[in-house]
Amino acid sequence: MEESHEFWMKMAIDLARESKTPFGSVIVDNEGQFVGAYNTAIHDGAIAHAEINALRKIDKLDYNHPEDLIIYSTVEPCPMCMSAIIWTEIGQVVYGADIPFASTYCKQINLRAQEVANTSTLDTIIMGGILKEDCESLFKLK
């Protein structure tokens, strides 16, 4: 896959902007196939976060090993979403804005993605701060 983390994060940002929410997510396989989603909790209930909505589409990707998948999120996955990502066995999580920042704009459970990952037996790679300022600016659209 030749695209950069910034390329896929921009796609997640575009999904968030399109939906007028700060939360967008894209899951990418190693062939560059992807699925994306945004937060629909206001219409579909509390668990309809961008990551959960993207995970619901994962069967559209062609992969043999979930650890080869990367999920991009405009905001660090909350504990619920990070747990779902771990149960799915996705190998890498890339996010923009972090939970401490998001908590200044909306309700958050102040438990970081790495803390959740540390309780699992999987070696999930977590990388934060990708296009951080662009992701943080999504909160000003609300």
N, C-alpha and C. Protein backbone atom coordinates (compact mmCIF):
# COMPACT_ATOMS: atom_id res chain seq x y z
N MET A 1 0.85 -1.18 0.00
CA MET A 1 0.00 0.00 0.00
C MET A 1 0.89 1.24 0.00
N GLU A 2 0.72 2.06 -1.00
CA GLU A 2 1.61 3.20 -1.16
C GLU A 2 1.10 4.48 -0.49
N GLU A 3 -0.19 4.56 -0.22
CA GLU A 3 -0.73 5.77 0.36
C GLU A 3 -0.18 5.95 1.78
N SER A 4 -0.07 7.20 2.18
CA SER A 4 0.47 7.51 3.49
C SER A 4 -0.63 7.59 4.54
N HIS A 5 -0.21 7.62 5.79
CA HIS A 5 -1.18 7.80 6.87
C HIS A 5 -1.97 9.09 6.68
N GLU A 6 -1.31 10.13 6.18
CA GLU A 6 -1.99 11.40 5.97
C GLU A 6 -3.10 11.27 4.92
N PHE A 7 -2.85 10.50 3.88
CA PHE A 7 -3.85 10.29 2.83
C PHE A 7 -5.13 9.71 3.42
N TRP A 8 -5.00 8.65 4.20
CA TRP A 8 -6.17 7.98 4.76
C TRP A 8 -6.83 8.82 5.84
N MET A 9 -6.01 9.55 6.62
CA MET A 9 -6.60 10.43 7.64
C MET A 9 -7.41 11.54 6.97
N LYS A 10 -6.92 12.05 5.85
CA LYS A 10 -7.70 13.07 5.13
C LYS A 10 -9.05 12.51 4.70
N MET A 11 -9.08 11.24 4.33
CA MET A 11 -10.35 10.62 3.96
C MET A 11 -11.28 10.56 5.17
N ALA A 12 -10.75 10.20 6.32
CA ALA A 12 -11.56 10.17 7.55
C ALA A 12 -12.06 11.58 7.89
N ILE A 13 -11.20 12.57 7.72
CA ILE A 13 -11.59 13.97 7.96
C ILE A 13 -12.71 14.38 7.01
N ASP A 14 -12.59 14.00 5.75
CA ASP A 14 -13.64 14.33 4.77
C ASP A 14 -14.98 13.71 5.17
N LEU A 15 -14.96 12.47 5.64
CA LEU A 15 -16.19 11.83 6.10
C LEU A 15 -16.79 12.59 7.28
N ALA A 16 -15.95 12.99 8.21
CA ALA A 16 -16.43 13.76 9.36
C ALA A 16 -17.04 15.08 8.91
N ARG A 17 -16.35 15.79 8.04
CA ARG A 17 -16.88 17.08 7.55
C ARG A 17 -18.21 16.89 6.83
N GLU A 18 -18.26 15.87 5.98
CA GLU A 18 -19.48 15.59 5.22
C GLU A 18 -20.67 15.37 6.15
N SER A 19 -20.43 14.74 7.27
CA SER A 19 -21.51 14.41 8.19
C SER A 19 -21.72 15.49 9.27
N LYS A 20 -20.88 16.52 9.23
CA LYS A 20 -20.95 17.61 10.21
C LYS A 20 -20.77 17.10 11.64
N THR A 21 -19.84 16.18 11.80
CA THR A 21 -19.45 15.64 13.10
C THR A 21 -17.93 15.59 13.15
N PRO A 22 -17.33 15.67 14.32
CA PRO A 22 -15.86 15.59 14.39
C PRO A 22 -15.30 14.18 14.20
N PHE A 23 -16.19 13.20 14.08
CA PHE A 23 -15.76 11.80 14.13
C PHE A 23 -15.92 11.08 12.79
N GLY A 24 -14.79 10.74 12.18
CA GLY A 24 -14.77 9.95 10.95
C GLY A 24 -13.76 8.83 11.09
N SER A 25 -14.00 7.73 10.38
CA SER A 25 -13.12 6.57 10.50
C SER A 25 -13.04 5.84 9.17
N VAL A 26 -11.85 5.31 8.86
CA VAL A 26 -11.61 4.54 7.65
C VAL A 26 -10.79 3.31 8.02
N ILE A 27 -11.18 2.16 7.50
CA ILE A 27 -10.40 0.93 7.67
C ILE A 27 -9.83 0.55 6.32
N VAL A 28 -8.53 0.25 6.29
CA VAL A 28 -7.81 -0.01 5.04
C VAL A 28 -7.13 -1.37 5.12
N ASP A 29 -7.22 -2.13 4.00
CA ASP A 29 -6.48 -3.38 3.94
C ASP A 29 -5.15 -3.14 3.21
N ASN A 30 -4.31 -4.17 3.12
CA ASN A 30 -2.99 -3.97 2.52
C ASN A 30 -3.01 -3.86 1.01
N GLU A 31 -4.19 -3.98 0.40
CA GLU A 31 -4.33 -3.77 -1.04
C GLU A 31 -4.87 -2.37 -1.36
N GLY A 32 -5.13 -1.58 -0.32
CA GLY A 32 -5.67 -0.24 -0.52
C GLY A 32 -7.18 -0.19 -0.63
N GLN A 33 -7.85 -1.32 -0.40
CA GLN A 33 -9.31 -1.33 -0.34
C GLN A 33 -9.70 -0.72 1.00
N PHE A 34 -10.83 -0.05 1.06
CA PHE A 34 -11.19 0.61 2.31
C PHE A 34 -12.70 0.68 2.50
N VAL A 35 -13.09 0.85 3.74
CA VAL A 35 -14.47 1.19 4.11
C VAL A 35 -14.37 2.37 5.06
N GLY A 36 -15.38 3.19 5.05
CA GLY A 36 -15.37 4.36 5.92
C GLY A 36 -16.73 4.64 6.51
N ALA A 37 -16.74 5.40 7.58
CA ALA A 37 -17.99 5.74 8.24
C ALA A 37 -17.76 6.98 9.13
N TYR A 38 -18.86 7.48 9.63
CA TYR A 38 -18.81 8.60 10.57
C TYR A 38 -19.78 8.32 11.71
N ASN A 39 -19.73 9.16 12.71
CA ASN A 39 -20.56 9.01 13.89
C ASN A 39 -22.01 9.30 13.55
N THR A 40 -22.89 8.37 13.89
CA THR A 40 -24.34 8.57 13.67
C THR A 40 -25.10 8.40 14.98
N ALA A 41 -24.44 8.60 16.11
CA ALA A 41 -25.05 8.37 17.42
C ALA A 41 -26.30 9.22 17.63
N ILE A 42 -26.34 10.41 17.09
CA ILE A 42 -27.51 11.27 17.28
C ILE A 42 -28.77 10.65 16.67
N HIS A 43 -28.60 9.82 15.65
CA HIS A 43 -29.75 9.18 14.99
C HIS A 43 -29.88 7.69 15.36
N ASP A 44 -28.75 7.02 15.57
CA ASP A 44 -28.75 5.57 15.70
C ASP A 44 -28.42 5.05 17.10
N GLY A 45 -28.26 5.95 18.06
CA GLY A 45 -27.99 5.51 19.43
C GLY A 45 -26.54 5.65 19.84
N ALA A 46 -26.32 5.50 21.11
CA ALA A 46 -25.04 5.81 21.75
C ALA A 46 -23.84 5.03 21.23
N ILE A 47 -24.05 3.84 20.70
CA ILE A 47 -22.88 3.05 20.25
C ILE A 47 -22.54 3.24 18.78
N ALA A 48 -23.25 4.12 18.09
CA ALA A 48 -23.00 4.32 16.65
C ALA A 48 -21.86 5.30 16.42
N HIS A 49 -20.71 5.00 17.04
CA HIS A 49 -19.51 5.80 16.84
C HIS A 49 -18.93 5.50 15.46
N ALA A 50 -18.08 6.39 14.97
CA ALA A 50 -17.49 6.23 13.63
C ALA A 50 -16.76 4.89 13.50
N GLU A 51 -15.98 4.52 14.50
CA GLU A 51 -15.22 3.28 14.43
C GLU A 51 -16.15 2.06 14.39
N ILE A 52 -17.17 2.07 15.23
CA ILE A 52 -18.12 0.95 15.26
C ILE A 52 -18.84 0.85 13.91
N ASN A 53 -19.26 1.99 13.38
CA ASN A 53 -19.94 1.99 12.08
C ASN A 53 -19.02 1.47 10.97
N ALA A 54 -17.73 1.83 11.03
CA ALA A 54 -16.77 1.30 10.04
C ALA A 54 -16.56 -0.19 10.24
N LEU A 55 -16.44 -0.63 11.49
CA LEU A 55 -16.26 -2.06 11.76
C LEU A 55 -17.43 -2.89 11.24
N ARG A 56 -18.60 -2.32 11.24
CA ARG A 56 -19.78 -3.03 10.72
C ARG A 56 -19.69 -3.28 9.22
N LYS A 57 -18.80 -2.56 8.55
CA LYS A 57 -18.63 -2.71 7.09
C LYS A 57 -17.41 -3.56 6.72
N ILE A 58 -16.71 -4.04 7.71
CA ILE A 58 -15.42 -4.70 7.48
C ILE A 58 -15.52 -5.91 6.56
N ASP A 59 -16.68 -6.54 6.50
CA ASP A 59 -16.84 -7.72 5.64
C ASP A 59 -16.75 -7.38 4.16
N LYS A 60 -16.78 -6.10 3.82
CA LYS A 60 -16.63 -5.68 2.42
C LYS A 60 -15.16 -5.68 1.97
N LEU A 61 -14.24 -5.81 2.93
CA LEU A 61 -12.82 -5.84 2.60
C LEU A 61 -12.39 -7.27 2.33
N ASP A 62 -11.35 -7.41 1.52
CA ASP A 62 -10.81 -8.72 1.19
C ASP A 62 -9.48 -8.89 1.93
N TYR A 63 -9.52 -9.61 3.04
CA TYR A 63 -8.31 -9.80 3.83
C TYR A 63 -8.33 -11.20 4.44
N ASN A 64 -7.15 -11.72 4.69
CA ASN A 64 -7.01 -13.01 5.35
C ASN A 64 -6.61 -12.87 6.81
N HIS A 65 -5.93 -11.78 7.11
CA HIS A 65 -5.40 -11.59 8.45
C HIS A 65 -5.81 -10.20 8.95
N PRO A 66 -6.70 -10.12 9.93
CA PRO A 66 -7.16 -8.82 10.41
C PRO A 66 -6.03 -7.95 10.96
N GLU A 67 -4.96 -8.59 11.41
CA GLU A 67 -3.84 -7.79 11.93
C GLU A 67 -3.16 -6.97 10.83
N ASP A 68 -3.45 -7.26 9.56
CA ASP A 68 -2.92 -6.47 8.45
C ASP A 68 -3.74 -5.21 8.19
N LEU A 69 -4.90 -5.08 8.82
CA LEU A 69 -5.77 -3.93 8.61
C LEU A 69 -5.30 -2.75 9.47
N ILE A 70 -5.59 -1.55 8.98
CA ILE A 70 -5.31 -0.31 9.73
C ILE A 70 -6.63 0.45 9.82
N ILE A 71 -6.94 0.93 11.02
CA ILE A 71 -8.11 1.79 11.18
C ILE A 71 -7.62 3.21 11.49
N TYR A 72 -8.17 4.15 10.76
CA TYR A 72 -7.87 5.57 10.93
C TYR A 72 -9.08 6.23 11.56
N SER A 73 -8.84 7.06 12.54
CA SER A 73 -9.93 7.75 13.22
C SER A 73 -9.52 9.19 13.48
N THR A 74 -10.43 10.10 13.23
CA THR A 74 -10.12 11.51 13.46
C THR A 74 -9.88 11.81 14.93
N VAL A 75 -10.46 10.99 15.80
CA VAL A 75 -10.28 11.14 17.24
C VAL A 75 -9.87 9.79 17.82
N GLU A 76 -9.00 9.82 18.79
CA GLU A 76 -8.57 8.60 19.47
C GLU A 76 -9.78 7.75 19.86
N PRO A 77 -9.78 6.48 19.54
CA PRO A 77 -10.92 5.64 19.87
C PRO A 77 -11.20 5.60 21.38
N CYS A 78 -12.47 5.73 21.71
CA CYS A 78 -12.89 5.65 23.11
C CYS A 78 -12.71 4.19 23.59
N PRO A 79 -12.85 3.92 24.87
CA PRO A 79 -12.67 2.54 25.36
C PRO A 79 -13.60 1.53 24.69
N MET A 80 -14.84 1.91 24.41
CA MET A 80 -15.76 0.98 23.72
C MET A 80 -15.24 0.64 22.33
N CYS A 81 -14.87 1.67 21.57
CA CYS A 81 -14.41 1.45 20.20
C CYS A 81 -13.07 0.73 20.18
N MET A 82 -12.18 1.10 21.11
CA MET A 82 -10.87 0.44 21.15
C MET A 82 -11.04 -1.04 21.49
N SER A 83 -11.96 -1.35 22.38
CA SER A 83 -12.22 -2.75 22.70
C SER A 83 -12.75 -3.50 21.49
N ALA A 84 -13.65 -2.88 20.73
CA ALA A 84 -14.18 -3.52 19.52
C ALA A 84 -13.07 -3.72 18.49
N ILE A 85 -12.18 -2.76 18.38
CA ILE A 85 -11.04 -2.87 17.46
C ILE A 85 -10.16 -4.06 17.86
N ILE A 86 -9.91 -4.18 19.15
CA ILE A 86 -9.09 -5.29 19.64
C ILE A 86 -9.79 -6.62 19.38
N TRP A 87 -11.10 -6.71 19.66
CA TRP A 87 -11.83 -7.96 19.41
C TRP A 87 -11.81 -8.32 17.94
N THR A 88 -11.77 -7.32 17.07
CA THR A 88 -11.70 -7.56 15.63
C THR A 88 -10.29 -7.97 15.21
N GLU A 89 -9.33 -7.71 16.07
CA GLU A 89 -7.92 -8.05 15.86
C GLU A 89 -7.23 -7.20 14.80
N ILE A 90 -7.72 -5.98 14.59
CA ILE A 90 -7.06 -5.04 13.69
C ILE A 90 -5.68 -4.73 14.25
N GLY A 91 -4.68 -4.70 13.38
CA GLY A 91 -3.30 -4.59 13.82
C GLY A 91 -2.81 -3.20 14.15
N GLN A 92 -3.42 -2.17 13.55
CA GLN A 92 -2.90 -0.83 13.77
C GLN A 92 -4.03 0.18 13.86
N VAL A 93 -3.89 1.10 14.80
CA VAL A 93 -4.84 2.20 15.00
C VAL A 93 -4.07 3.50 14.80
N VAL A 94 -4.59 4.37 13.95
CA VAL A 94 -3.99 5.68 13.70
C VAL A 94 -5.06 6.72 13.95
N TYR A 95 -4.76 7.71 14.80
CA TYR A 95 -5.75 8.74 15.10
C TYR A 95 -5.13 10.13 15.04
N GLY A 96 -6.02 11.12 15.00
CA GLY A 96 -5.60 12.52 14.95
C GLY A 96 -5.66 13.18 16.31
N ALA A 97 -6.82 13.70 16.69
CA ALA A 97 -7.01 14.35 17.99
C ALA A 97 -7.07 13.30 19.08
N ASP A 98 -6.66 13.68 20.29
CA ASP A 98 -6.68 12.71 21.38
C ASP A 98 -7.89 12.91 22.30
N ILE A 99 -8.10 11.93 23.16
CA ILE A 99 -9.23 11.96 24.09
C ILE A 99 -9.19 13.18 25.01
N PRO A 100 -8.03 13.56 25.58
CA PRO A 100 -8.04 14.76 26.43
C PRO A 100 -8.53 16.00 25.68
N PHE A 101 -8.16 16.14 24.42
CA PHE A 101 -8.65 17.27 23.65
C PHE A 101 -10.16 17.15 23.42
N ALA A 102 -10.60 15.99 22.98
CA ALA A 102 -12.03 15.78 22.69
C ALA A 102 -12.89 16.02 23.92
N SER A 103 -12.36 15.68 25.09
CA SER A 103 -13.14 15.83 26.32
C SER A 103 -13.41 17.29 26.67
N THR A 104 -12.70 18.21 26.05
CA THR A 104 -12.99 19.63 26.28
C THR A 104 -14.21 20.08 25.46
N TYR A 105 -14.66 19.25 24.52
CA TYR A 105 -15.80 19.58 23.67
C TYR A 105 -17.01 18.69 23.88
N CYS A 106 -16.79 17.47 24.35
CA CYS A 106 -17.91 16.53 24.49
C CYS A 106 -17.59 15.50 25.57
N LYS A 107 -18.61 14.75 25.97
CA LYS A 107 -18.42 13.72 26.99
C LYS A 107 -17.45 12.66 26.48
N GLN A 108 -16.56 12.26 27.35
CA GLN A 108 -15.60 11.20 27.03
C GLN A 108 -15.34 10.38 28.28
N ILE A 109 -15.02 9.12 28.10
CA ILE A 109 -14.49 8.31 29.18
C ILE A 109 -12.98 8.49 29.11
N ASN A 110 -12.40 9.00 30.15
CA ASN A 110 -10.99 9.39 30.12
C ASN A 110 -10.08 8.18 30.32
N LEU A 111 -10.14 7.27 29.37
CA LEU A 111 -9.29 6.09 29.34
C LEU A 111 -8.70 6.02 27.94
N ARG A 112 -7.40 6.13 27.85
CA ARG A 112 -6.74 6.23 26.56
C ARG A 112 -6.70 4.89 25.84
N ALA A 113 -6.63 4.95 24.51
CA ALA A 113 -6.61 3.75 23.67
C ALA A 113 -5.45 2.82 24.03
N GLN A 114 -4.29 3.38 24.32
CA GLN A 114 -3.14 2.55 24.67
C GLN A 114 -3.38 1.81 25.98
N GLU A 115 -4.07 2.46 26.92
CA GLU A 115 -4.39 1.79 28.18
C GLU A 115 -5.29 0.58 27.95
N VAL A 116 -6.27 0.72 27.08
CA VAL A 116 -7.15 -0.39 26.75
C VAL A 116 -6.34 -1.49 26.06
N ALA A 117 -5.52 -1.10 25.09
CA ALA A 117 -4.70 -2.08 24.35
C ALA A 117 -3.75 -2.82 25.28
N ASN A 118 -3.24 -2.13 26.28
CA ASN A 118 -2.30 -2.77 27.21
C ASN A 118 -2.94 -3.90 28.01
N THR A 119 -4.26 -3.92 28.10
CA THR A 119 -4.94 -4.98 28.85
C THR A 119 -5.22 -6.20 27.99
N SER A 120 -4.92 -6.13 26.71
CA SER A 120 -5.19 -7.24 25.80
C SER A 120 -3.93 -8.07 25.57
N THR A 121 -4.14 -9.24 24.99
CA THR A 121 -2.99 -10.10 24.66
C THR A 121 -2.46 -9.83 23.26
N LEU A 122 -3.10 -8.93 22.53
CA LEU A 122 -2.66 -8.60 21.17
C LEU A 122 -1.65 -7.46 21.19
N ASP A 123 -0.86 -7.37 20.16
CA ASP A 123 0.12 -6.30 20.04
C ASP A 123 -0.38 -5.26 19.04
N THR A 124 -1.41 -4.53 19.41
CA THR A 124 -1.97 -3.50 18.54
C THR A 124 -1.05 -2.29 18.53
N ILE A 125 -0.69 -1.84 17.34
CA ILE A 125 0.14 -0.65 17.19
C ILE A 125 -0.78 0.56 17.20
N ILE A 126 -0.46 1.55 18.02
CA ILE A 126 -1.28 2.75 18.11
C ILE A 126 -0.39 3.96 17.84
N MET A 127 -0.85 4.79 16.91
CA MET A 127 -0.10 5.97 16.52
C MET A 127 -1.06 7.17 16.55
N GLY A 128 -0.73 8.17 17.32
CA GLY A 128 -1.59 9.34 17.44
C GLY A 128 -0.97 10.59 16.86
N GLY A 129 -1.79 11.62 16.71
CA GLY A 129 -1.31 12.93 16.28
C GLY A 129 -1.19 13.12 14.79
N ILE A 130 -1.70 12.20 13.98
CA ILE A 130 -1.62 12.35 12.52
C ILE A 130 -2.66 13.40 12.09
N LEU A 131 -2.19 14.46 11.46
CA LEU A 131 -3.03 15.60 11.06
C LEU A 131 -3.86 16.10 12.25
N LYS A 132 -3.21 16.15 13.38
CA LYS A 132 -3.85 16.51 14.65
C LYS A 132 -4.63 17.83 14.56
N GLU A 133 -4.01 18.86 14.05
CA GLU A 133 -4.67 20.17 13.99
C GLU A 133 -5.91 20.13 13.11
N ASP A 134 -5.82 19.43 11.97
CA ASP A 134 -6.98 19.30 11.09
C ASP A 134 -8.11 18.56 11.79
N CYS A 135 -7.76 17.52 12.53
CA CYS A 135 -8.78 16.74 13.26
C CYS A 135 -9.37 17.57 14.39
N GLU A 136 -8.54 18.31 15.10
CA GLU A 136 -9.05 19.17 16.17
C GLU A 136 -9.98 20.25 15.63
N SER A 137 -9.70 20.74 14.44
CA SER A 137 -10.55 21.80 13.87
C SER A 137 -11.96 21.31 13.56
N LEU A 138 -12.15 20.01 13.46
CA LEU A 138 -13.49 19.45 13.21
C LEU A 138 -14.45 19.77 14.36
N PHE A 139 -13.94 19.93 15.55
CA PHE A 139 -14.79 20.23 16.69
C PHE A 139 -15.38 21.64 16.60
N LYS A 140 -14.74 22.49 15.85
CA LYS A 140 -15.24 23.86 15.70
C LYS A 140 -16.38 23.96 14.70
N LEU A 141 -16.65 22.86 13.96
CA LEU A 141 -17.76 22.82 13.00
C LEU A 141 -19.08 22.55 13.67
N LYS A 142 -19.04 22.03 14.89
CA LYS A 142 -20.27 21.62 15.58
C LYS A 142 -21.16 22.82 15.86
